[in-house]
Amino acid sequence: MERESFARQPSLLHDSGQLRGGRLRALDGLRLIAALMVAVYHFGGRGGEVSRAWGSSAREQFPTFHTFFAYGCLGVQVFFVISGFVISMSGWGRPLKSFFASRAARLLPAYWAAIVLVTAVFALPVVAFRAVSPSDALVNLTMLQQPLGADRVLGVCWTLWAELRFYALFALLVVAPGASRRRAILFCAGWTLAAAVARGAHEPLLDIVLMPEHAPFFVGGVGLYLVHRDRRDVYAWAIVAVSWLIGQHHAVAGLWRAPSADAFANRSAFGIMLVVTLGFAAVTAIALGRLGWANWPWLTAAGALTYPFYLVHEHLGWPVIRLLHTTLGVPADVTLGLTVLSLLGLAWLVHRFVEVPLGPRLKRALASA
């Protein structure tokens, strides 16, 4: 009863990731780390189109580090845990319209800019990478290209499709009826059980809606938000523990062997389990306030760059790598660093000139509609 009454109080956290007494800057830093993990995976931990940019396989470019870079794809799972935490923070104590407006304003401006940028760059004759058709490019503006079967402009957009489904489930089952500790616990328990049933049923529709392979990470993030609200909450800790147990299983099952011809089959089960565990541990430390010392202002800027960087890095990284390494002969390790820095610079431009002016306007327009 005591914990339930606490959960009904106004949230101590705002949508921006701020406490009334300060900001969770460590969460911003963890976002950037996860994005950089994904970037080194795309640039040096797999094959495919990036091999054309390097002029050879990333195995040859990074004979030692490509093995470690291959684990960078697990940055996505870390993102999903963070998302579960942040979306709980965003939806607590908010009406559905406000929740929807905040999510749309956060995702859409940078996403639209990334679609336009990548489409425009790939349309240039000097960029020798295949562009999607104009019709498919337009469909990509909806974020629904994957279920509609259209070609994707952004390789990473499959994660946004997973995020959208999580938002819809959380909005309908937690935000709309009024967020509370009890409702969040029931949501986590129900989704976990339903996702397990969906995995066993081998029913495509259930897989699409319930996302068995991703659900444990989102649910684990929600559980960690409940831990953040009350670290004595036994149910919240149980949610986190079960989510970690199921999540590492899905990660190992999906990534131990190469999931496609372009991936490298050099990840070990232990390595996958370790990275997943470290991701849960990092968010847990933030939830418990153990990383409050990481309160440097630059982490806020890093957090702001993470989303636009994540969107543009893969496809726009290819022509940068090709220019620096294949055309100019810059060494592979220097090329990797310069590519990441240049795309962080582009991410700053998208944040400064797209997200900052358009995000608040879109949020106000949707909230007042």
Foldseek 3Di string as FASTA:
>chain_A
DVLQVLQLDFDQFELLQAGPVGHLLLLLVLLLVLLVLLLLCLQQQWFDPNCVLQVHHSCVQCVPCNLVSLLSVCSLLLVLLSLLQSLLRHQAPDALLLSVLQVCLVPQFLQVVLLVVLQVVCPDPVNPDDHFDPVLSVVVSVLCSVVVVGDHSFPPSVSVLVVVLVSVLCSVQARNVHHTPVSLLCSLVVLQVLLVVCVVVVDVVSCSNSVNQNSLSSQLSNLLNSCLSPVPDPSSVVSNVVSLVSNLVSQCVCQCADNDPTGDNSDHSVNSNVVSVVSSVSSNCSSPVVVVVPRDPVSSVSSLLSVSLSGNLNSVLSNQSNCVCVVVNHRPVVSSVVSSVVSSVVSVVSSVPTSVPRSVVSSVVSSVD
